[in-house]
Amino acid sequence: MSDTGTGTGVVERLRAAGCVFAEEEAEMLLAAAAGPAELDAMVERRAAGLPLEHIVGWAEFAGLRIEVDGGVFVPRRRTEFLVGHAVELARPGAVCVDLCCGSGAAGAVLLDRVPGAEVHASDIEPAAVRCARRNVEPRGGRVYEGDLFAPLPGELRGRVGILVANVPYVPTEEIGLLPPEARDHEPHITLDGGSDGLDVLRRVAAEAPEWLAPGGHLFVETSERQAESAVAVMSAAGLVPKVVTSDEWWATAVVATRP
């Protein structure tokens, strides 16, 4: 095997391509490749900017192995902070909804960590729905295709205790500033939050009170500079919001409760 097919060679190629975590990525690619030719092709795709998770077909999220297909939003490690709060506030047997579910990472974690959880997930992207079904349904949840709340069973209205909505929140004009991995390889509908980044959040907040049970919680991720505006949106919808942050995860989230 040539040096470019060894661990050292892979690390060097990834580092030359600008991969910050070249050693860790090399380990994942070496473990995933069936042989030298496949490894070479994988390294070539990674060097060209394809997300690592799309190449190996999975992402680690909150200790779970989440399948991620090409063209599907890759769950971010910082979102573990958001989902961790949801798990903490979920009671055994809680009715949970994962809106804008992408690969279904949040729903999978809720099923894994909340005893007896009833989990429903939805996404408008057909590729994401196919992926989420493989992550959520074997664990006992259900996944629906459609826009936000529209495809959910009507009997969930007023019963949802935990509503995780990892909505897109990048302002439209800032999408071009994102890393190429996201900008070029993830659907823009999963990134684009409109002119101020809050368009989808407004829609979720407007409908959330009729789906949440009294005392139920809505969890959304946002940026530090958008947090104040996100709080105003949720307050206007009749929810009681609070901002939670983590320096460790570089994460900002809003947890809003139906009174």
C-alpha atoms as a PDB file:
ATOM      1  CA  MET A   1       0.000   0.000   0.000  1.00  0.00           C
ATOM      2  CA  SER A   2       1.316   3.450  -0.860  1.00  0.00           C
ATOM      3  CA  ASP A   3       1.891   6.027   1.847  1.00  0.00           C
ATOM      4  CA  THR A   4      -1.266   7.877   0.774  1.00  0.00           C
ATOM      5  CA  GLY A   5      -3.240   4.742   1.705  1.00  0.00           C
ATOM      6  CA  THR A   6      -1.810   4.564   5.234  1.00  0.00           C
ATOM      7  CA  GLY A   7      -2.951   6.411   8.328  1.00  0.00           C
ATOM      8  CA  THR A   8      -0.042   8.848   8.076  1.00  0.00           C
ATOM      9  CA  GLY A   9      -0.707   9.527   4.416  1.00  0.00           C
ATOM     10  CA  VAL A  10      -4.407  10.085   5.008  1.00  0.00           C
ATOM     11  CA  VAL A  11      -3.718  12.562   7.818  1.00  0.00           C
ATOM     12  CA  GLU A  12      -1.308  14.472   5.595  1.00  0.00           C
ATOM     13  CA  ARG A  13      -3.808  14.660   2.731  1.00  0.00           C
ATOM     14  CA  LEU A  14      -6.593  15.825   5.015  1.00  0.00           C
ATOM     15  CA  ARG A  15      -4.388  18.389   6.703  1.00  0.00           C
ATOM     16  CA  ALA A  16      -3.299  19.733   3.312  1.00  0.00           C
ATOM     17  CA  ALA A  17      -6.976  20.108   2.409  1.00  0.00           C
ATOM     18  CA  GLY A  18      -7.526  22.261   5.523  1.00  0.00           C
ATOM     19  CA  CYS A  19      -9.237  19.688   7.773  1.00  0.00           C
ATOM     20  CA  VAL A  20      -8.695  20.937  11.331  1.00  0.00           C
ATOM     21  CA  PHE A  21      -9.311  17.539  12.960  1.00  0.00           C
ATOM     22  CA  ALA A  22      -7.308  15.541  10.419  1.00  0.00           C
ATOM     23  CA  GLU A  23      -6.217  12.789  12.842  1.00  0.00           C
ATOM     24  CA  GLU A  24      -9.738  12.056  14.099  1.00  0.00           C
ATOM     25  CA  GLU A  25     -11.176  12.177  10.580  1.00  0.00           C
ATOM     26  CA  ALA A  26      -8.471   9.840   9.292  1.00  0.00           C
ATOM     27  CA  GLU A  27      -9.403   7.285  11.967  1.00  0.00           C
ATOM     28  CA  MET A  28     -13.060   7.390  10.899  1.00  0.00           C
ATOM     29  CA  LEU A  29     -12.227   7.045   7.203  1.00  0.00           C
ATOM     30  CA  LEU A  30      -9.790   4.175   7.810  1.00  0.00           C
ATOM     31  CA  ALA A  31     -12.441   2.353   9.860  1.00  0.00           C
ATOM     32  CA  ALA A  32     -15.159   2.917   7.246  1.00  0.00           C
ATOM     33  CA  ALA A  33     -13.221   2.009   4.083  1.00  0.00           C
ATOM     34  CA  ALA A  34     -13.434  -1.566   2.772  1.00  0.00           C
ATOM     35  CA  GLY A  35     -10.008  -1.319   1.123  1.00  0.00           C
ATOM     36  CA  PRO A  36      -7.300   1.009  -0.222  1.00  0.00           C
ATOM     37  CA  ALA A  37      -9.262   2.050  -3.329  1.00  0.00           C
ATOM     38  CA  GLU A  38     -12.345   2.981  -1.333  1.00  0.00           C
ATOM     39  CA  LEU A  39     -10.209   4.796   1.242  1.00  0.00           C
ATOM     40  CA  ASP A  40      -8.540   6.811  -1.512  1.00  0.00           C
ATOM     41  CA  ALA A  41     -11.941   7.787  -2.936  1.00  0.00           C
ATOM     42  CA  MET A  42     -13.247   8.751   0.505  1.00  0.00           C
ATOM     43  CA  VAL A  43     -10.212  10.932   1.224  1.00  0.00           C
ATOM     44  CA  GLU A  44     -10.599  12.559  -2.187  1.00  0.00           C
ATOM     45  CA  ARG A  45     -14.263  13.402  -1.460  1.00  0.00           C
ATOM     46  CA  ARG A  46     -13.386  14.790   1.976  1.00  0.00           C
ATOM     47  CA  ALA A  47     -10.549  16.894   0.532  1.00  0.00           C
ATOM     48  CA  ALA A  48     -13.059  18.269  -1.992  1.00  0.00           C
ATOM     49  CA  GLY A  49     -15.195  19.542   0.911  1.00  0.00           C
ATOM     50  CA  LEU A  50     -17.894  16.883   1.303  1.00  0.00           C
ATOM     51  CA  PRO A  51     -19.011  16.588   4.965  1.00  0.00           C
ATOM     52  CA  LEU A  52     -17.270  13.695   6.704  1.00  0.00           C
ATOM     53  CA  GLU A  53     -20.613  12.407   7.977  1.00  0.00           C
ATOM     54  CA  HIS A  54     -21.967  12.137   4.428  1.00  0.00           C
ATOM     55  CA  ILE A  55     -18.908  10.121   3.419  1.00  0.00           C
ATOM     56  CA  VAL A  56     -18.971   7.588   6.272  1.00  0.00           C
ATOM     57  CA  GLY A  57     -22.784   7.623   6.486  1.00  0.00           C
ATOM     58  CA  TRP A  58     -23.192   8.482  10.153  1.00  0.00           C
ATOM     59  CA  ALA A  59     -22.587  11.063  12.876  1.00  0.00           C
ATOM     60  CA  GLU A  60     -22.034  10.633  16.589  1.00  0.00           C
ATOM     61  CA  PHE A  61     -24.643  12.586  18.524  1.00  0.00           C
ATOM     62  CA  ALA A  62     -25.053  12.441  22.307  1.00  0.00           C
ATOM     63  CA  GLY A  63     -23.322   9.068  22.320  1.00  0.00           C
ATOM     64  CA  LEU A  64     -25.583   7.592  19.629  1.00  0.00           C
ATOM     65  CA  ARG A  65     -24.617   6.601  16.095  1.00  0.00           C
ATOM     66  CA  ILE A  66     -27.021   8.527  13.849  1.00  0.00           C
ATOM     67  CA  GLU A  67     -27.231   7.553  10.188  1.00  0.00           C
ATOM     68  CA  VAL A  68     -26.798  10.566   7.888  1.00  0.00           C
ATOM     69  CA  ASP A  69     -27.338  10.300   4.140  1.00  0.00           C
ATOM     70  CA  GLY A  70     -25.840  12.616   1.525  1.00  0.00           C
ATOM     71  CA  GLY A  71     -27.860  15.811   1.166  1.00  0.00           C
ATOM     72  CA  VAL A  72     -29.249  15.594   4.716  1.00  0.00           C
ATOM     73  CA  PHE A  73     -28.500  18.197   7.400  1.00  0.00           C
ATOM     74  CA  VAL A  74     -25.689  16.952   9.641  1.00  0.00           C
ATOM     75  CA  PRO A  75     -26.588  17.124  13.362  1.00  0.00           C
ATOM     76  CA  ARG A  76     -24.296  19.620  15.086  1.00  0.00           C
ATOM     77  CA  ARG A  77     -22.488  18.733  18.285  1.00  0.00           C
ATOM     78  CA  ARG A  78     -23.667  22.000  19.896  1.00  0.00           C
ATOM     79  CA  THR A  79     -27.263  20.810  19.493  1.00  0.00           C
ATOM     80  CA  GLU A  80     -26.514  18.157  22.122  1.00  0.00           C
ATOM     81  CA  PHE A  81     -26.838  21.044  24.602  1.00  0.00           C
ATOM     82  CA  LEU A  82     -30.396  21.769  23.433  1.00  0.00           C
ATOM     83  CA  VAL A  83     -31.455  18.124  23.434  1.00  0.00           C
ATOM     84  CA  GLY A  84     -29.853  17.587  26.835  1.00  0.00           C
ATOM     85  CA  HIS A  85     -32.157  20.250  28.290  1.00  0.00           C
ATOM     86  CA  ALA A  86     -35.141  18.531  26.694  1.00  0.00           C
ATOM     87  CA  VAL A  87     -34.159  15.188  28.238  1.00  0.00           C
ATOM     88  CA  GLU A  88     -33.745  16.819  31.664  1.00  0.00           C
ATOM     89  CA  LEU A  89     -37.239  18.333  31.577  1.00  0.00           C
ATOM     90  CA  ALA A  90     -38.997  15.317  30.062  1.00  0.00           C
ATOM     91  CA  ARG A  91     -41.046  13.186  32.411  1.00  0.00           C
ATOM     92  CA  PRO A  92     -41.283   9.402  31.941  1.00  0.00           C
ATOM     93  CA  GLY A  93     -43.820   8.658  29.217  1.00  0.00           C
ATOM     94  CA  ALA A  94     -43.652  12.210  27.852  1.00  0.00           C
ATOM     95  CA  VAL A  95     -45.224  12.985  24.483  1.00  0.00           C
ATOM     96  CA  CYS A  96     -42.335  14.467  22.465  1.00  0.00           C
ATOM     97  CA  VAL A  97     -42.164  16.090  19.030  1.00  0.00           C
ATOM     98  CA  ASP A  98     -39.003  16.666  16.975  1.00  0.00           C
ATOM     99  CA  LEU A  99     -39.863  19.353  14.382  1.00  0.00           C
ATOM    100  CA  CYS A 100     -37.479  20.072  11.488  1.00  0.00           C
ATOM    101  CA  CYS A 101     -36.041  16.741  12.549  1.00  0.00           C
ATOM    102  CA  GLY A 102     -33.440  16.290   9.804  1.00  0.00           C
ATOM    103  CA  SER A 103     -31.779  12.935  10.477  1.00  0.00           C
ATOM    104  CA  GLY A 104     -33.976  12.482  13.572  1.00  0.00           C
ATOM    105  CA  ALA A 105     -31.072  12.855  16.006  1.00  0.00           C
ATOM    106  CA  ALA A 106     -33.089  14.662  18.697  1.00  0.00           C
ATOM    107  CA  GLY A 107     -35.958  12.189  18.460  1.00  0.00           C
ATOM    108  CA  ALA A 108     -33.555   9.250  18.707  1.00  0.00           C
ATOM    109  CA  VAL A 109     -31.961  10.680  21.860  1.00  0.00           C
ATOM    110  CA  LEU A 110     -35.354  11.318  23.484  1.00  0.00           C
ATOM    111  CA  LEU A 111     -36.363   7.711  22.799  1.00  0.00           C
ATOM    112  CA  ASP A 112     -33.043   6.487  24.170  1.00  0.00           C
ATOM    113  CA  ARG A 113     -32.993   8.630  27.344  1.00  0.00           C
ATOM    114  CA  VAL A 114     -36.627   9.236  28.380  1.00  0.00           C
ATOM    115  CA  PRO A 115     -38.337   6.118  29.756  1.00  0.00           C
ATOM    116  CA  GLY A 116     -41.536   5.344  27.856  1.00  0.00           C
ATOM    117  CA  ALA A 117     -41.297   8.439  25.652  1.00  0.00           C
ATOM    118  CA  GLU A 118     -43.803   8.749  22.801  1.00  0.00           C
ATOM    119  CA  VAL A 119     -41.861  10.467  20.010  1.00  0.00           C
ATOM    120  CA  HIS A 120     -43.159  11.958  16.753  1.00  0.00           C
ATOM    121  CA  ALA A 121     -40.840  13.658  14.250  1.00  0.00           C
ATOM    122  CA  SER A 122     -41.436  15.608  11.047  1.00  0.00           C
ATOM    123  CA  ASP A 123     -39.476  17.227   8.249  1.00  0.00           C
ATOM    124  CA  ILE A 124     -40.360  18.770   4.891  1.00  0.00           C
ATOM    125  CA  GLU A 125     -37.330  17.240   3.115  1.00  0.00           C
ATOM    126  CA  PRO A 126     -38.039  13.742   1.691  1.00  0.00           C
ATOM    127  CA  ALA A 127     -34.363  12.706   1.993  1.00  0.00           C
ATOM    128  CA  ALA A 128     -34.331  13.726   5.662  1.00  0.00           C
ATOM    129  CA  VAL A 129     -37.548  11.807   6.333  1.00  0.00           C
ATOM    130  CA  ARG A 130     -36.117   8.627   4.799  1.00  0.00           C
ATOM    131  CA  CYS A 131     -33.022   9.019   6.950  1.00  0.00           C
ATOM    132  CA  ALA A 132     -34.942   9.890  10.141  1.00  0.00           C
ATOM    133  CA  ARG A 133     -37.150   6.819   9.760  1.00  0.00           C
ATOM    134  CA  ARG A 134     -34.049   4.628  10.026  1.00  0.00           C
ATOM    135  CA  ASN A 135     -32.909   6.428  13.187  1.00  0.00           C
ATOM    136  CA  VAL A 136     -36.240   6.985  14.955  1.00  0.00           C
ATOM    137  CA  GLU A 137     -38.663   4.213  14.017  1.00  0.00           C
ATOM    138  CA  PRO A 138     -36.502   1.216  15.091  1.00  0.00           C
ATOM    139  CA  ARG A 139     -36.376   2.902  18.518  1.00  0.00           C
ATOM    140  CA  GLY A 140     -40.172   3.122  18.647  1.00  0.00           C
ATOM    141  CA  GLY A 141     -40.946   6.606  17.279  1.00  0.00           C
ATOM    142  CA  ARG A 142     -42.873   7.786  14.224  1.00  0.00           C
ATOM    143  CA  VAL A 143     -41.663  10.077  11.409  1.00  0.00           C
ATOM    144  CA  TYR A 144     -43.891  12.130   9.082  1.00  0.00           C
ATOM    145  CA  GLU A 145     -43.183  14.100   5.913  1.00  0.00           C
ATOM    146  CA  GLY A 146     -44.569  17.616   5.706  1.00  0.00           C
ATOM    147  CA  ASP A 147     -44.278  21.238   6.776  1.00  0.00           C
ATOM    148  CA  LEU A 148     -43.772  21.716  10.529  1.00  0.00           C
ATOM    149  CA  PHE A 149     -46.918  20.651  12.445  1.00  0.00           C
ATOM    150  CA  ALA A 150     -49.027  19.903   9.346  1.00  0.00           C
ATOM    151  CA  PRO A 151     -48.316  16.148   9.072  1.00  0.00           C
ATOM    152  CA  LEU A 152     -48.597  15.389  12.802  1.00  0.00           C
ATOM    153  CA  PRO A 153     -51.588  13.396  14.102  1.00  0.00           C
ATOM    154  CA  GLY A 154     -54.332  15.753  15.258  1.00  0.00           C
ATOM    155  CA  GLU A 155     -54.716  13.902  18.567  1.00  0.00           C
ATOM    156  CA  LEU A 156     -51.364  15.341  19.685  1.00  0.00           C
ATOM    157  CA  ARG A 157     -52.862  18.840  20.009  1.00  0.00           C
ATOM    158  CA  GLY A 158     -52.664  19.993  23.616  1.00  0.00           C
ATOM    159  CA  ARG A 159     -50.727  16.879  24.694  1.00  0.00           C
ATOM    160  CA  VAL A 160     -47.084  17.611  23.781  1.00  0.00           C
ATOM    161  CA  GLY A 161     -44.809  17.903  26.796  1.00  0.00           C
ATOM    162  CA  ILE A 162     -41.508  18.287  24.912  1.00  0.00           C
ATOM    163  CA  LEU A 163     -41.313  20.113  21.572  1.00  0.00           C
ATOM    164  CA  VAL A 164     -37.810  20.298  20.088  1.00  0.00           C
ATOM    165  CA  ALA A 165     -37.731  22.533  17.010  1.00  0.00           C
ATOM    166  CA  ASN A 166     -34.231  22.909  15.614  1.00  0.00           C
ATOM    167  CA  VAL A 167     -35.425  25.446  13.052  1.00  0.00           C
ATOM    168  CA  PRO A 168     -33.147  27.072  10.456  1.00  0.00           C
ATOM    169  CA  TYR A 169     -31.913  30.392  11.846  1.00  0.00           C
ATOM    170  CA  VAL A 170     -29.226  31.655   9.465  1.00  0.00           C
ATOM    171  CA  PRO A 171     -30.253  34.986   7.878  1.00  0.00           C
ATOM    172  CA  THR A 172     -30.606  34.510   4.116  1.00  0.00           C
ATOM    173  CA  GLU A 173     -27.836  36.935   3.193  1.00  0.00           C
ATOM    174  CA  GLU A 174     -25.382  35.157   5.531  1.00  0.00           C
ATOM    175  CA  ILE A 175     -25.711  31.665   3.995  1.00  0.00           C
ATOM    176  CA  GLY A 176     -22.868  32.519   1.620  1.00  0.00           C
ATOM    177  CA  LEU A 177     -20.603  33.038   4.653  1.00  0.00           C
ATOM    178  CA  LEU A 178     -21.123  29.495   5.988  1.00  0.00           C
ATOM    179  CA  PRO A 179     -18.388  26.849   5.684  1.00  0.00           C
ATOM    180  CA  PRO A 180     -18.509  25.127   2.263  1.00  0.00           C
ATOM    181  CA  GLU A 181     -19.557  21.840   3.910  1.00  0.00           C
ATOM    182  CA  ALA A 182     -22.872  23.363   4.908  1.00  0.00           C
ATOM    183  CA  ARG A 183     -23.282  25.907   2.116  1.00  0.00           C
ATOM    184  CA  ASP A 184     -22.616  23.480  -0.726  1.00  0.00           C
ATOM    185  CA  HIS A 185     -23.788  20.113   0.605  1.00  0.00           C
ATOM    186  CA  GLU A 186     -26.789  20.680   2.893  1.00  0.00           C
ATOM    187  CA  PRO A 187     -30.241  21.764   1.636  1.00  0.00           C
ATOM    188  CA  HIS A 188     -30.617  25.542   1.965  1.00  0.00           C
ATOM    189  CA  ILE A 189     -34.124  25.026   3.352  1.00  0.00           C
ATOM    190  CA  THR A 190     -32.457  23.547   6.459  1.00  0.00           C
ATOM    191  CA  LEU A 191     -30.277  26.648   6.902  1.00  0.00           C
ATOM    192  CA  ASP A 192     -32.277  29.645   5.646  1.00  0.00           C
ATOM    193  CA  GLY A 193     -34.201  31.444   8.392  1.00  0.00           C
ATOM    194  CA  GLY A 194     -35.290  34.404   6.240  1.00  0.00           C
ATOM    195  CA  SER A 195     -34.142  38.000   6.346  1.00  0.00           C
ATOM    196  CA  ASP A 196     -33.474  38.076  10.108  1.00  0.00           C
ATOM    197  CA  GLY A 197     -33.152  34.319  10.632  1.00  0.00           C
ATOM    198  CA  LEU A 198     -36.381  34.075  12.638  1.00  0.00           C
ATOM    199  CA  ASP A 199     -39.043  33.389   9.983  1.00  0.00           C
ATOM    200  CA  VAL A 200     -39.466  29.680  10.754  1.00  0.00           C
ATOM    201  CA  LEU A 201     -39.279  30.302  14.510  1.00  0.00           C
ATOM    202  CA  ARG A 202     -42.202  32.742  14.204  1.00  0.00           C
ATOM    203  CA  ARG A 203     -44.307  30.075  12.519  1.00  0.00           C
ATOM    204  CA  VAL A 204     -43.417  27.466  15.140  1.00  0.00           C
ATOM    205  CA  ALA A 205     -44.059  29.832  18.056  1.00  0.00           C
ATOM    206  CA  ALA A 206     -47.440  30.877  16.644  1.00  0.00           C
ATOM    207  CA  GLU A 207     -48.708  27.287  16.551  1.00  0.00           C
ATOM    208  CA  ALA A 208     -46.842  25.822  19.523  1.00  0.00           C
ATOM    209  CA  PRO A 209     -49.356  26.834  22.230  1.00  0.00           C
ATOM    210  CA  GLU A 210     -52.153  24.767  20.663  1.00  0.00           C
ATOM    211  CA  TRP A 211     -49.917  21.663  20.512  1.00  0.00           C
ATOM    212  CA  LEU A 212     -48.184  21.989  23.885  1.00  0.00           C
ATOM    213  CA  ALA A 213     -49.772  20.611  27.023  1.00  0.00           C
ATOM    214  CA  PRO A 214     -50.088  23.078  29.925  1.00  0.00           C
ATOM    215  CA  GLY A 215     -46.572  23.261  31.359  1.00  0.00           C
ATOM    216  CA  GLY A 216     -45.121  21.816  28.144  1.00  0.00           C
ATOM    217  CA  HIS A 217     -41.821  23.151  26.809  1.00  0.00           C
ATOM    218  CA  LEU A 218     -40.592  24.349  23.409  1.00  0.00           C
ATOM    219  CA  PHE A 219     -36.829  24.132  22.790  1.00  0.00           C
ATOM    220  CA  VAL A 220     -35.111  26.045  19.979  1.00  0.00           C
ATOM    221  CA  GLU A 221     -31.504  26.765  19.126  1.00  0.00           C
ATOM    222  CA  THR A 222     -30.501  30.270  18.105  1.00  0.00           C
ATOM    223  CA  SER A 223     -27.464  32.520  17.939  1.00  0.00           C
ATOM    224  CA  GLU A 224     -26.346  34.744  20.796  1.00  0.00           C
ATOM    225  CA  ARG A 225     -27.234  37.904  18.882  1.00  0.00           C
ATOM    226  CA  GLN A 226     -30.700  36.604  17.952  1.00  0.00           C
ATOM    227  CA  ALA A 227     -31.635  35.391  21.435  1.00  0.00           C
ATOM    228  CA  GLU A 228     -33.346  38.612  22.543  1.00  0.00           C
ATOM    229  CA  SER A 229     -35.482  38.711  19.388  1.00  0.00           C
ATOM    230  CA  ALA A 230     -36.315  35.010  19.744  1.00  0.00           C
ATOM    231  CA  VAL A 231     -37.502  35.645  23.311  1.00  0.00           C
ATOM    232  CA  ALA A 232     -39.755  38.466  22.053  1.00  0.00           C
ATOM    233  CA  VAL A 233     -41.246  36.161  19.390  1.00  0.00           C
ATOM    234  CA  MET A 234     -42.073  33.495  21.964  1.00  0.00           C
ATOM    235  CA  SER A 235     -43.467  35.971  24.473  1.00  0.00           C
ATOM    236  CA  ALA A 236     -45.744  37.420  21.799  1.00  0.00           C
ATOM    237  CA  ALA A 237     -47.082  33.900  21.185  1.00  0.00           C
ATOM    238  CA  GLY A 238     -48.075  33.586  24.842  1.00  0.00           C
ATOM    239  CA  LEU A 239     -45.172  31.425  25.957  1.00  0.00           C
ATOM    240  CA  VAL A 240     -42.815  32.077  28.871  1.00  0.00           C
ATOM    241  CA  PRO A 241     -39.242  31.943  27.504  1.00  0.00           C
ATOM    242  CA  LYS A 242     -35.802  31.845  29.047  1.00  0.00           C
ATOM    243  CA  VAL A 243     -32.372  31.831  27.410  1.00  0.00           C
ATOM    244  CA  VAL A 244     -29.857  29.114  28.280  1.00  0.00           C
ATOM    245  CA  THR A 245     -26.242  29.203  27.113  1.00  0.00           C
ATOM    246  CA  SER A 246     -23.141  27.040  27.224  1.00  0.00           C
ATOM    247  CA  ASP A 247     -19.589  28.279  26.728  1.00  0.00           C
ATOM    248  CA  GLU A 248     -18.426  24.661  26.487  1.00  0.00           C
ATOM    249  CA  TRP A 249     -20.731  23.903  23.543  1.00  0.00           C
ATOM    250  CA  TRP A 250     -20.718  27.432  22.046  1.00  0.00           C
ATOM    251  CA  ALA A 251     -24.492  27.087  22.181  1.00  0.00           C
ATOM    252  CA  THR A 252     -27.438  29.387  22.809  1.00  0.00           C
ATOM    253  CA  ALA A 253     -30.972  28.080  23.149  1.00  0.00           C
ATOM    254  CA  VAL A 254     -34.366  29.310  24.233  1.00  0.00           C
ATOM    255  CA  VAL A 255     -36.670  27.177  26.364  1.00  0.00           C
ATOM    256  CA  ALA A 256     -40.248  28.431  26.339  1.00  0.00           C
ATOM    257  CA  THR A 257     -43.046  27.060  28.507  1.00  0.00           C
ATOM    258  CA  ARG A 258     -46.797  27.101  27.951  1.00  0.00           C
ATOM    259  CA  PRO A 259     -48.287  28.542  31.156  1.00  0.00           C
END
